mmCIF file of all heavy atoms, coordinates in Angstrom:
data_MODEL
# 
_entry.id   MODEL 
# 
loop_
_atom_site.group_PDB 
_atom_site.id 
_atom_site.type_symbol 
_atom_site.label_atom_id 
_atom_site.label_alt_id 
_atom_site.label_comp_id 
_atom_site.label_asym_id 
_atom_site.label_entity_id 
_atom_site.label_seq_id 
_atom_site.pdbx_PDB_ins_code 
_atom_site.Cartn_x 
_atom_site.Cartn_y 
_atom_site.Cartn_z 
_atom_site.occupancy 
_atom_site.B_iso_or_equiv 
_atom_site.pdbx_formal_charge 
_atom_site.auth_seq_id 
_atom_site.auth_comp_id 
_atom_site.auth_asym_id 
_atom_site.auth_atom_id 
_atom_site.pdbx_PDB_model_num 
ATOM 1   N N   . TYR A 1 1  ? 115.095 89.431 99.326  1.00 0.00 ? 1  TYR A N   1 
ATOM 2   C CA  . TYR A 1 1  ? 115.403 88.003 99.109  1.00 0.00 ? 1  TYR A CA  1 
ATOM 3   C C   . TYR A 1 1  ? 115.461 87.729 97.606  1.00 0.00 ? 1  TYR A C   1 
ATOM 4   O O   . TYR A 1 1  ? 114.859 88.343 96.796  1.00 0.00 ? 1  TYR A O   1 
ATOM 5   C CB  . TYR A 1 1  ? 114.282 87.129 99.684  1.00 0.00 ? 1  TYR A CB  1 
ATOM 6   C CG  . TYR A 1 1  ? 114.216 87.344 101.200 1.00 0.00 ? 1  TYR A CG  1 
ATOM 7   C CD1 . TYR A 1 1  ? 113.354 88.320 101.839 1.00 0.00 ? 1  TYR A CD1 1 
ATOM 8   C CD2 . TYR A 1 1  ? 115.094 86.667 102.039 1.00 0.00 ? 1  TYR A CD2 1 
ATOM 9   C CE1 . TYR A 1 1  ? 113.389 88.487 103.160 1.00 0.00 ? 1  TYR A CE1 1 
ATOM 10  C CE2 . TYR A 1 1  ? 115.168 86.830 103.417 1.00 0.00 ? 1  TYR A CE2 1 
ATOM 11  C CZ  . TYR A 1 1  ? 114.234 87.796 103.920 1.00 0.00 ? 1  TYR A CZ  1 
ATOM 12  O OH  . TYR A 1 1  ? 114.299 87.986 105.348 1.00 0.00 ? 1  TYR A OH  1 
ATOM 13  N N   . PRO A 1 2  ? 116.390 86.760 97.261  1.00 0.00 ? 2  PRO A N   1 
ATOM 14  C CA  . PRO A 1 2  ? 116.656 86.483 95.863  1.00 0.00 ? 2  PRO A CA  1 
ATOM 15  C C   . PRO A 1 2  ? 115.451 85.968 95.132  1.00 0.00 ? 2  PRO A C   1 
ATOM 16  O O   . PRO A 1 2  ? 114.437 85.374 95.711  1.00 0.00 ? 2  PRO A O   1 
ATOM 17  C CB  . PRO A 1 2  ? 117.793 85.454 95.853  1.00 0.00 ? 2  PRO A CB  1 
ATOM 18  C CG  . PRO A 1 2  ? 117.707 84.785 97.213  1.00 0.00 ? 2  PRO A CG  1 
ATOM 19  C CD  . PRO A 1 2  ? 117.130 85.814 98.177  1.00 0.00 ? 2  PRO A CD  1 
ATOM 20  N N   . PRO A 1 3  ? 115.338 86.205 93.814  1.00 0.00 ? 3  PRO A N   1 
ATOM 21  C CA  . PRO A 1 3  ? 114.194 85.829 93.005  1.00 0.00 ? 3  PRO A CA  1 
ATOM 22  C C   . PRO A 1 3  ? 113.940 84.354 93.018  1.00 0.00 ? 3  PRO A C   1 
ATOM 23  O O   . PRO A 1 3  ? 114.847 83.528 93.239  1.00 0.00 ? 3  PRO A O   1 
ATOM 24  C CB  . PRO A 1 3  ? 114.494 86.272 91.577  1.00 0.00 ? 3  PRO A CB  1 
ATOM 25  C CG  . PRO A 1 3  ? 115.997 86.491 91.570  1.00 0.00 ? 3  PRO A CG  1 
ATOM 26  C CD  . PRO A 1 3  ? 116.461 86.761 92.964  1.00 0.00 ? 3  PRO A CD  1 
ATOM 27  N N   . LEU A 1 4  ? 112.700 83.988 92.672  1.00 0.00 ? 4  LEU A N   1 
ATOM 28  C CA  . LEU A 1 4  ? 112.304 82.573 92.606  1.00 0.00 ? 4  LEU A CA  1 
ATOM 29  C C   . LEU A 1 4  ? 112.446 82.093 91.102  1.00 0.00 ? 4  LEU A C   1 
ATOM 30  O O   . LEU A 1 4  ? 112.271 82.897 90.231  1.00 0.00 ? 4  LEU A O   1 
ATOM 31  C CB  . LEU A 1 4  ? 110.875 82.396 93.029  1.00 0.00 ? 4  LEU A CB  1 
ATOM 32  C CG  . LEU A 1 4  ? 110.582 82.646 94.565  1.00 0.00 ? 4  LEU A CG  1 
ATOM 33  C CD1 . LEU A 1 4  ? 109.043 82.469 94.763  1.00 0.00 ? 4  LEU A CD1 1 
ATOM 34  C CD2 . LEU A 1 4  ? 111.440 81.865 95.472  1.00 0.00 ? 4  LEU A CD2 1 
ATOM 35  N N   . THR A 1 5  ? 112.652 80.801 90.937  1.00 0.00 ? 5  THR A N   1 
ATOM 36  C CA  . THR A 1 5  ? 112.640 80.192 89.573  1.00 0.00 ? 5  THR A CA  1 
ATOM 37  C C   . THR A 1 5  ? 111.240 79.888 89.229  1.00 0.00 ? 5  THR A C   1 
ATOM 38  O O   . THR A 1 5  ? 110.308 79.967 90.080  1.00 0.00 ? 5  THR A O   1 
ATOM 39  C CB  . THR A 1 5  ? 113.441 78.869 89.606  1.00 0.00 ? 5  THR A CB  1 
ATOM 40  O OG1 . THR A 1 5  ? 112.818 77.945 90.475  1.00 0.00 ? 5  THR A OG1 1 
ATOM 41  C CG2 . THR A 1 5  ? 114.888 79.196 90.034  1.00 0.00 ? 5  THR A CG2 1 
ATOM 42  N N   . ASP A 1 6  ? 110.935 79.518 88.016  1.00 0.00 ? 6  ASP A N   1 
ATOM 43  C CA  . ASP A 1 6  ? 109.638 79.119 87.595  1.00 0.00 ? 6  ASP A CA  1 
ATOM 44  C C   . ASP A 1 6  ? 109.042 78.013 88.464  1.00 0.00 ? 6  ASP A C   1 
ATOM 45  O O   . ASP A 1 6  ? 107.901 77.989 88.905  1.00 0.00 ? 6  ASP A O   1 
ATOM 46  C CB  . ASP A 1 6  ? 109.638 78.624 86.089  1.00 0.00 ? 6  ASP A CB  1 
ATOM 47  C CG  . ASP A 1 6  ? 109.818 79.857 85.142  1.00 0.00 ? 6  ASP A CG  1 
ATOM 48  O OD1 . ASP A 1 6  ? 109.546 80.988 85.504  1.00 0.00 ? 6  ASP A OD1 1 
ATOM 49  O OD2 . ASP A 1 6  ? 110.326 79.606 84.065  1.00 0.00 ? 6  ASP A OD2 1 
ATOM 50  N N   . ASP A 1 7  ? 109.999 76.995 88.688  1.00 0.00 ? 7  ASP A N   1 
ATOM 51  C CA  . ASP A 1 7  ? 109.530 75.857 89.543  1.00 0.00 ? 7  ASP A CA  1 
ATOM 52  C C   . ASP A 1 7  ? 109.234 76.299 90.966  1.00 0.00 ? 7  ASP A C   1 
ATOM 53  O O   . ASP A 1 7  ? 108.234 75.802 91.594  1.00 0.00 ? 7  ASP A O   1 
ATOM 54  C CB  . ASP A 1 7  ? 110.604 74.723 89.575  1.00 0.00 ? 7  ASP A CB  1 
ATOM 55  C CG  . ASP A 1 7  ? 110.664 73.955 88.287  1.00 0.00 ? 7  ASP A CG  1 
ATOM 56  O OD1 . ASP A 1 7  ? 109.762 74.057 87.444  1.00 0.00 ? 7  ASP A OD1 1 
ATOM 57  O OD2 . ASP A 1 7  ? 111.743 73.291 88.031  1.00 0.00 ? 7  ASP A OD2 1 
ATOM 58  N N   . GLN A 1 8  ? 110.009 77.216 91.480  1.00 0.00 ? 8  GLN A N   1 
ATOM 59  C CA  . GLN A 1 8  ? 109.674 77.697 92.866  1.00 0.00 ? 8  GLN A CA  1 
ATOM 60  C C   . GLN A 1 8  ? 108.473 78.515 92.887  1.00 0.00 ? 8  GLN A C   1 
ATOM 61  O O   . GLN A 1 8  ? 107.682 78.477 93.901  1.00 0.00 ? 8  GLN A O   1 
ATOM 62  C CB  . GLN A 1 8  ? 110.883 78.573 93.328  1.00 0.00 ? 8  GLN A CB  1 
ATOM 63  C CG  . GLN A 1 8  ? 112.097 77.649 93.676  1.00 0.00 ? 8  GLN A CG  1 
ATOM 64  C CD  . GLN A 1 8  ? 113.319 78.482 93.955  1.00 0.00 ? 8  GLN A CD  1 
ATOM 65  O OE1 . GLN A 1 8  ? 113.554 79.519 93.391  1.00 0.00 ? 8  GLN A OE1 1 
ATOM 66  N NE2 . GLN A 1 8  ? 114.276 77.925 94.852  1.00 0.00 ? 8  GLN A NE2 1 
ATOM 67  N N   . VAL A 1 9  ? 108.119 79.276 91.867  1.00 0.00 ? 9  VAL A N   1 
ATOM 68  C CA  . VAL A 1 9  ? 106.790 79.932 91.827  1.00 0.00 ? 9  VAL A CA  1 
ATOM 69  C C   . VAL A 1 9  ? 105.676 78.985 91.850  1.00 0.00 ? 9  VAL A C   1 
ATOM 70  O O   . VAL A 1 9  ? 104.628 79.160 92.516  1.00 0.00 ? 9  VAL A O   1 
ATOM 71  C CB  . VAL A 1 9  ? 106.753 80.951 90.602  1.00 0.00 ? 9  VAL A CB  1 
ATOM 72  C CG1 . VAL A 1 9  ? 105.320 81.485 90.429  1.00 0.00 ? 9  VAL A CG1 1 
ATOM 73  C CG2 . VAL A 1 9  ? 107.750 82.078 90.681  1.00 0.00 ? 9  VAL A CG2 1 
ATOM 74  N N   . LEU A 1 10 ? 105.774 77.815 91.121  1.00 0.00 ? 10 LEU A N   1 
ATOM 75  C CA  . LEU A 1 10 ? 104.802 76.821 91.136  1.00 0.00 ? 10 LEU A CA  1 
ATOM 76  C C   . LEU A 1 10 ? 104.667 76.193 92.495  1.00 0.00 ? 10 LEU A C   1 
ATOM 77  O O   . LEU A 1 10 ? 103.511 76.019 93.021  1.00 0.00 ? 10 LEU A O   1 
ATOM 78  C CB  . LEU A 1 10 ? 105.112 75.702 90.143  1.00 0.00 ? 10 LEU A CB  1 
ATOM 79  C CG  . LEU A 1 10 ? 105.022 76.067 88.680  1.00 0.00 ? 10 LEU A CG  1 
ATOM 80  C CD1 . LEU A 1 10 ? 105.511 74.943 87.762  1.00 0.00 ? 10 LEU A CD1 1 
ATOM 81  C CD2 . LEU A 1 10 ? 103.552 76.464 88.289  1.00 0.00 ? 10 LEU A CD2 1 
ATOM 82  N N   . LEU A 1 11 ? 105.823 76.018 93.169  1.00 0.00 ? 11 LEU A N   1 
ATOM 83  C CA  . LEU A 1 11 ? 105.752 75.507 94.543  1.00 0.00 ? 11 LEU A CA  1 
ATOM 84  C C   . LEU A 1 11 ? 105.160 76.474 95.556  1.00 0.00 ? 11 LEU A C   1 
ATOM 85  O O   . LEU A 1 11 ? 104.396 76.129 96.480  1.00 0.00 ? 11 LEU A O   1 
ATOM 86  C CB  . LEU A 1 11 ? 107.150 75.188 95.040  1.00 0.00 ? 11 LEU A CB  1 
ATOM 87  C CG  . LEU A 1 11 ? 107.373 74.563 96.380  1.00 0.00 ? 11 LEU A CG  1 
ATOM 88  C CD1 . LEU A 1 11 ? 106.602 73.330 96.588  1.00 0.00 ? 11 LEU A CD1 1 
ATOM 89  C CD2 . LEU A 1 11 ? 108.903 74.294 96.635  1.00 0.00 ? 11 LEU A CD2 1 
ATOM 90  N N   . LEU A 1 12 ? 105.350 77.798 95.318  1.00 0.00 ? 12 LEU A N   1 
ATOM 91  C CA  . LEU A 1 12 ? 104.753 78.889 96.110  1.00 0.00 ? 12 LEU A CA  1 
ATOM 92  C C   . LEU A 1 12 ? 103.205 78.710 96.024  1.00 0.00 ? 12 LEU A C   1 
ATOM 93  O O   . LEU A 1 12 ? 102.540 78.768 97.010  1.00 0.00 ? 12 LEU A O   1 
ATOM 94  C CB  . LEU A 1 12 ? 105.211 80.236 95.610  1.00 0.00 ? 12 LEU A CB  1 
ATOM 95  C CG  . LEU A 1 12 ? 104.711 81.429 96.392  1.00 0.00 ? 12 LEU A CG  1 
ATOM 96  C CD1 . LEU A 1 12 ? 105.397 81.584 97.779  1.00 0.00 ? 12 LEU A CD1 1 
ATOM 97  C CD2 . LEU A 1 12 ? 104.947 82.686 95.594  1.00 0.00 ? 12 LEU A CD2 1 
ATOM 98  N N   . GLY A 1 13 ? 102.715 78.543 94.812  1.00 0.00 ? 13 GLY A N   1 
ATOM 99  C CA  . GLY A 1 13 ? 101.265 78.319 94.605  1.00 0.00 ? 13 GLY A CA  1 
ATOM 100 C C   . GLY A 1 13 ? 100.771 77.046 95.258  1.00 0.00 ? 13 GLY A C   1 
ATOM 101 O O   . GLY A 1 13 ? 99.694  77.084 95.908  1.00 0.00 ? 13 GLY A O   1 
ATOM 102 N N   . GLU A 1 14 ? 101.536 76.026 95.165  1.00 0.00 ? 14 GLU A N   1 
ATOM 103 C CA  . GLU A 1 14 ? 101.093 74.735 95.791  1.00 0.00 ? 14 GLU A CA  1 
ATOM 104 C C   . GLU A 1 14 ? 101.133 74.894 97.367  1.00 0.00 ? 14 GLU A C   1 
ATOM 105 O O   . GLU A 1 14 ? 100.190 74.353 97.999  1.00 0.00 ? 14 GLU A O   1 
ATOM 106 C CB  . GLU A 1 14 ? 102.123 73.518 95.458  1.00 0.00 ? 14 GLU A CB  1 
ATOM 107 C CG  . GLU A 1 14 ? 102.021 73.158 93.990  1.00 0.00 ? 14 GLU A CG  1 
ATOM 108 C CD  . GLU A 1 14 ? 103.166 72.162 93.619  1.00 0.00 ? 14 GLU A CD  1 
ATOM 109 O OE1 . GLU A 1 14 ? 103.838 71.648 94.531  1.00 0.00 ? 14 GLU A OE1 1 
ATOM 110 O OE2 . GLU A 1 14 ? 103.343 71.979 92.455  1.00 0.00 ? 14 GLU A OE2 1 
ATOM 111 N N   . THR A 1 15 ? 102.009 75.685 97.855  1.00 0.00 ? 15 THR A N   1 
ATOM 112 C CA  . THR A 1 15 ? 102.015 75.990 99.300  1.00 0.00 ? 15 THR A CA  1 
ATOM 113 C C   . THR A 1 15 ? 100.713 76.516 99.870  1.00 0.00 ? 15 THR A C   1 
ATOM 114 O O   . THR A 1 15 ? 100.285 76.302 100.943 1.00 0.00 ? 15 THR A O   1 
ATOM 115 C CB  . THR A 1 15 ? 103.211 76.897 99.649  1.00 0.00 ? 15 THR A CB  1 
ATOM 116 O OG1 . THR A 1 15 ? 104.462 76.276 99.174  1.00 0.00 ? 15 THR A OG1 1 
ATOM 117 C CG2 . THR A 1 15 ? 103.344 77.201 101.112 1.00 0.00 ? 15 THR A CG2 1 
ATOM 118 N N   . ILE A 1 16 ? 100.037 77.448 99.031  1.00 0.00 ? 16 ILE A N   1 
ATOM 119 C CA  . ILE A 1 16 ? 98.890  78.027 99.418  1.00 0.00 ? 16 ILE A CA  1 
ATOM 120 C C   . ILE A 1 16 ? 97.625  77.502 98.745  1.00 0.00 ? 16 ILE A C   1 
ATOM 121 O O   . ILE A 1 16 ? 96.525  77.982 98.916  1.00 0.00 ? 16 ILE A O   1 
ATOM 122 C CB  . ILE A 1 16 ? 98.926  79.650 99.255  1.00 0.00 ? 16 ILE A CB  1 
ATOM 123 C CG1 . ILE A 1 16 ? 99.100  80.014 97.856  1.00 0.00 ? 16 ILE A CG1 1 
ATOM 124 C CG2 . ILE A 1 16 ? 100.032 80.179 100.103 1.00 0.00 ? 16 ILE A CG2 1 
ATOM 125 C CD1 . ILE A 1 16 ? 98.961  81.474 97.549  1.00 0.00 ? 16 ILE A CD1 1 
ATOM 126 N N   . GLY A 1 17 ? 97.836  76.540 97.831  1.00 0.00 ? 17 GLY A N   1 
ATOM 127 C CA  . GLY A 1 17 ? 96.672  75.873 97.159  1.00 0.00 ? 17 GLY A CA  1 
ATOM 128 C C   . GLY A 1 17 ? 96.037  76.776 96.147  1.00 0.00 ? 17 GLY A C   1 
ATOM 129 O O   . GLY A 1 17 ? 94.847  76.609 95.908  1.00 0.00 ? 17 GLY A O   1 
ATOM 130 N N   . LYS A 1 18 ? 96.820  77.583 95.482  1.00 0.00 ? 18 LYS A N   1 
ATOM 131 C CA  . LYS A 1 18 ? 96.293  78.509 94.440  1.00 0.00 ? 18 LYS A CA  1 
ATOM 132 C C   . LYS A 1 18 ? 97.379  78.709 93.327  1.00 0.00 ? 18 LYS A C   1 
ATOM 133 O O   . LYS A 1 18 ? 98.592  78.607 93.662  1.00 0.00 ? 18 LYS A O   1 
ATOM 134 C CB  . LYS A 1 18 ? 95.961  79.928 95.033  1.00 0.00 ? 18 LYS A CB  1 
ATOM 135 C CG  . LYS A 1 18 ? 94.935  79.867 96.136  1.00 0.00 ? 18 LYS A CG  1 
ATOM 136 C CD  . LYS A 1 18 ? 94.627  81.275 96.510  1.00 0.00 ? 18 LYS A CD  1 
ATOM 137 C CE  . LYS A 1 18 ? 93.581  81.257 97.675  1.00 0.00 ? 18 LYS A CE  1 
ATOM 138 N NZ  . LYS A 1 18 ? 92.469  80.288 97.536  1.00 0.00 ? 18 LYS A NZ  1 
ATOM 139 N N   . LYS A 1 19 ? 96.932  78.944 92.133  1.00 0.00 ? 19 LYS A N   1 
ATOM 140 C CA  . LYS A 1 19 ? 97.854  79.338 91.073  1.00 0.00 ? 19 LYS A CA  1 
ATOM 141 C C   . LYS A 1 19 ? 98.190  80.781 91.278  1.00 0.00 ? 19 LYS A C   1 
ATOM 142 O O   . LYS A 1 19 ? 97.424  81.626 91.485  1.00 0.00 ? 19 LYS A O   1 
ATOM 143 C CB  . LYS A 1 19 ? 97.206  79.150 89.707  1.00 0.00 ? 19 LYS A CB  1 
ATOM 144 C CG  . LYS A 1 19 ? 98.061  79.426 88.517  1.00 0.00 ? 19 LYS A CG  1 
ATOM 145 C CD  . LYS A 1 19 ? 97.351  79.256 87.207  1.00 0.00 ? 19 LYS A CD  1 
ATOM 146 C CE  . LYS A 1 19 ? 98.320  79.397 86.048  1.00 0.00 ? 19 LYS A CE  1 
ATOM 147 N NZ  . LYS A 1 19 ? 99.094  80.598 85.938  1.00 0.00 ? 19 LYS A NZ  1 
ATOM 148 N N   . ILE A 1 20 ? 99.560  81.048 91.260  1.00 0.00 ? 20 ILE A N   1 
ATOM 149 C CA  . ILE A 1 20 ? 100.008 82.400 91.393  1.00 0.00 ? 20 ILE A CA  1 
ATOM 150 C C   . ILE A 1 20 ? 99.701  83.166 90.132  1.00 0.00 ? 20 ILE A C   1 
ATOM 151 O O   . ILE A 1 20 ? 100.194 82.784 89.028  1.00 0.00 ? 20 ILE A O   1 
ATOM 152 C CB  . ILE A 1 20 ? 101.489 82.412 91.695  1.00 0.00 ? 20 ILE A CB  1 
ATOM 153 C CG1 . ILE A 1 20 ? 101.797 81.577 92.978  1.00 0.00 ? 20 ILE A CG1 1 
ATOM 154 C CG2 . ILE A 1 20 ? 102.060 83.803 91.823  1.00 0.00 ? 20 ILE A CG2 1 
ATOM 155 C CD1 . ILE A 1 20 ? 101.180 82.067 94.269  1.00 0.00 ? 20 ILE A CD1 1 
ATOM 156 N N   . PRO A 1 21 ? 99.000  84.246 90.224  1.00 0.00 ? 21 PRO A N   1 
ATOM 157 C CA  . PRO A 1 21 ? 98.618  85.033 89.035  1.00 0.00 ? 21 PRO A CA  1 
ATOM 158 C C   . PRO A 1 21 ? 99.842  85.680 88.440  1.00 0.00 ? 21 PRO A C   1 
ATOM 159 O O   . PRO A 1 21 ? 100.908 85.911 89.077  1.00 0.00 ? 21 PRO A O   1 
ATOM 160 C CB  . PRO A 1 21 ? 97.610  86.013 89.548  1.00 0.00 ? 21 PRO A CB  1 
ATOM 161 C CG  . PRO A 1 21 ? 97.698  86.106 90.999  1.00 0.00 ? 21 PRO A CG  1 
ATOM 162 C CD  . PRO A 1 21 ? 98.380  84.855 91.415  1.00 0.00 ? 21 PRO A CD  1 
ATOM 163 N N   . GLY A 1 22 ? 99.719  86.078 87.131  1.00 0.00 ? 22 GLY A N   1 
ATOM 164 C CA  . GLY A 1 22 ? 100.767 86.669 86.408  1.00 0.00 ? 22 GLY A CA  1 
ATOM 165 C C   . GLY A 1 22 ? 101.485 87.857 87.081  1.00 0.00 ? 22 GLY A C   1 
ATOM 166 O O   . GLY A 1 22 ? 102.769 87.882 87.095  1.00 0.00 ? 22 GLY A O   1 
ATOM 167 N N   . HIS A 1 23 ? 100.759 88.812 87.651  1.00 0.00 ? 23 HIS A N   1 
ATOM 168 C CA  . HIS A 1 23 ? 101.366 89.946 88.245  1.00 0.00 ? 23 HIS A CA  1 
ATOM 169 C C   . HIS A 1 23 ? 102.206 89.559 89.449  1.00 0.00 ? 23 HIS A C   1 
ATOM 170 O O   . HIS A 1 23 ? 103.235 90.196 89.685  1.00 0.00 ? 23 HIS A O   1 
ATOM 171 C CB  . HIS A 1 23 ? 100.386 91.046 88.567  1.00 0.00 ? 23 HIS A CB  1 
ATOM 172 C CG  . HIS A 1 23 ? 99.328  90.719 89.590  1.00 0.00 ? 23 HIS A CG  1 
ATOM 173 N ND1 . HIS A 1 23 ? 98.331  89.775 89.297  1.00 0.00 ? 23 HIS A ND1 1 
ATOM 174 C CD2 . HIS A 1 23 ? 99.210  91.090 90.855  1.00 0.00 ? 23 HIS A CD2 1 
ATOM 175 C CE1 . HIS A 1 23 ? 97.580  89.655 90.400  1.00 0.00 ? 23 HIS A CE1 1 
ATOM 176 N NE2 . HIS A 1 23 ? 98.035  90.459 91.349  1.00 0.00 ? 23 HIS A NE2 1 
ATOM 177 N N   . LEU A 1 24 ? 101.795 88.561 90.209  1.00 0.00 ? 24 LEU A N   1 
ATOM 178 C CA  . LEU A 1 24 ? 102.678 88.078 91.308  1.00 0.00 ? 24 LEU A CA  1 
ATOM 179 C C   . LEU A 1 24 ? 103.776 87.240 90.866  1.00 0.00 ? 24 LEU A C   1 
ATOM 180 O O   . LEU A 1 24 ? 104.892 87.315 91.472  1.00 0.00 ? 24 LEU A O   1 
ATOM 181 C CB  . LEU A 1 24 ? 101.827 87.340 92.287  1.00 0.00 ? 24 LEU A CB  1 
ATOM 182 C CG  . LEU A 1 24 ? 100.856 88.047 93.255  1.00 0.00 ? 24 LEU A CG  1 
ATOM 183 C CD1 . LEU A 1 24 ? 100.203 87.072 94.227  1.00 0.00 ? 24 LEU A CD1 1 
ATOM 184 C CD2 . LEU A 1 24 ? 101.573 89.153 93.950  1.00 0.00 ? 24 LEU A CD2 1 
ATOM 185 N N   . THR A 1 25 ? 103.607 86.525 89.783  1.00 0.00 ? 25 THR A N   1 
ATOM 186 C CA  . THR A 1 25 ? 104.736 85.768 89.207  1.00 0.00 ? 25 THR A CA  1 
ATOM 187 C C   . THR A 1 25 ? 105.885 86.667 88.841  1.00 0.00 ? 25 THR A C   1 
ATOM 188 O O   . THR A 1 25 ? 107.035 86.405 89.094  1.00 0.00 ? 25 THR A O   1 
ATOM 189 C CB  . THR A 1 25 ? 104.266 84.917 87.978  1.00 0.00 ? 25 THR A CB  1 
ATOM 190 O OG1 . THR A 1 25 ? 103.328 83.932 88.441  1.00 0.00 ? 25 THR A OG1 1 
ATOM 191 C CG2 . THR A 1 25 ? 105.437 84.266 87.306  1.00 0.00 ? 25 THR A CG2 1 
ATOM 192 N N   . ILE A 1 26 ? 105.503 87.825 88.197  1.00 0.00 ? 26 ILE A N   1 
ATOM 193 C CA  . ILE A 1 26 ? 106.538 88.798 87.761  1.00 0.00 ? 26 ILE A CA  1 
ATOM 194 C C   . ILE A 1 26 ? 107.299 89.293 89.027  1.00 0.00 ? 26 ILE A C   1 
ATOM 195 O O   . ILE A 1 26 ? 108.446 89.426 89.064  1.00 0.00 ? 26 ILE A O   1 
ATOM 196 C CB  . ILE A 1 26 ? 105.906 89.898 86.999  1.00 0.00 ? 26 ILE A CB  1 
ATOM 197 C CG1 . ILE A 1 26 ? 105.414 89.439 85.628  1.00 0.00 ? 26 ILE A CG1 1 
ATOM 198 C CG2 . ILE A 1 26 ? 106.880 91.073 86.771  1.00 0.00 ? 26 ILE A CG2 1 
ATOM 199 C CD1 . ILE A 1 26 ? 104.450 90.371 84.949  1.00 0.00 ? 26 ILE A CD1 1 
ATOM 200 N N   . PHE A 1 27 ? 106.511 89.602 90.104  1.00 0.00 ? 27 PHE A N   1 
ATOM 201 C CA  . PHE A 1 27 ? 107.119 90.120 91.315  1.00 0.00 ? 27 PHE A CA  1 
ATOM 202 C C   . PHE A 1 27 ? 108.073 89.058 91.854  1.00 0.00 ? 27 PHE A C   1 
ATOM 203 O O   . PHE A 1 27 ? 109.210 89.370 92.218  1.00 0.00 ? 27 PHE A O   1 
ATOM 204 C CB  . PHE A 1 27 ? 105.967 90.407 92.371  1.00 0.00 ? 27 PHE A CB  1 
ATOM 205 C CG  . PHE A 1 27 ? 106.564 90.749 93.739  1.00 0.00 ? 27 PHE A CG  1 
ATOM 206 C CD1 . PHE A 1 27 ? 106.968 92.006 94.004  1.00 0.00 ? 27 PHE A CD1 1 
ATOM 207 C CD2 . PHE A 1 27 ? 106.723 89.748 94.678  1.00 0.00 ? 27 PHE A CD2 1 
ATOM 208 C CE1 . PHE A 1 27 ? 107.531 92.291 95.300  1.00 0.00 ? 27 PHE A CE1 1 
ATOM 209 C CE2 . PHE A 1 27 ? 107.216 89.997 95.939  1.00 0.00 ? 27 PHE A CE2 1 
ATOM 210 C CZ  . PHE A 1 27 ? 107.699 91.303 96.141  1.00 0.00 ? 27 PHE A CZ  1 
ATOM 211 N N   . TYR A 1 28 ? 107.615 87.855 92.071  1.00 0.00 ? 28 TYR A N   1 
ATOM 212 C CA  . TYR A 1 28 ? 108.445 86.806 92.662  1.00 0.00 ? 28 TYR A CA  1 
ATOM 213 C C   . TYR A 1 28 ? 109.608 86.376 91.768  1.00 0.00 ? 28 TYR A C   1 
ATOM 214 O O   . TYR A 1 28 ? 110.607 85.826 92.307  1.00 0.00 ? 28 TYR A O   1 
ATOM 215 C CB  . TYR A 1 28 ? 107.654 85.562 93.081  1.00 0.00 ? 28 TYR A CB  1 
ATOM 216 C CG  . TYR A 1 28 ? 106.745 85.862 94.313  1.00 0.00 ? 28 TYR A CG  1 
ATOM 217 C CD1 . TYR A 1 28 ? 105.414 85.978 94.301  1.00 0.00 ? 28 TYR A CD1 1 
ATOM 218 C CD2 . TYR A 1 28 ? 107.395 86.046 95.532  1.00 0.00 ? 28 TYR A CD2 1 
ATOM 219 C CE1 . TYR A 1 28 ? 104.687 86.258 95.329  1.00 0.00 ? 28 TYR A CE1 1 
ATOM 220 C CE2 . TYR A 1 28 ? 106.656 86.415 96.676  1.00 0.00 ? 28 TYR A CE2 1 
ATOM 221 C CZ  . TYR A 1 28 ? 105.265 86.466 96.570  1.00 0.00 ? 28 TYR A CZ  1 
ATOM 222 O OH  . TYR A 1 28 ? 104.554 86.793 97.686  1.00 0.00 ? 28 TYR A OH  1 
# 
């Protein structure tokens, strides 16, 4: 699946109620 933007990574965190840590941000 195509990469996420910075805003989408923030939305990913909001979806699960957590801040996405750096290593996962790089992955996404």
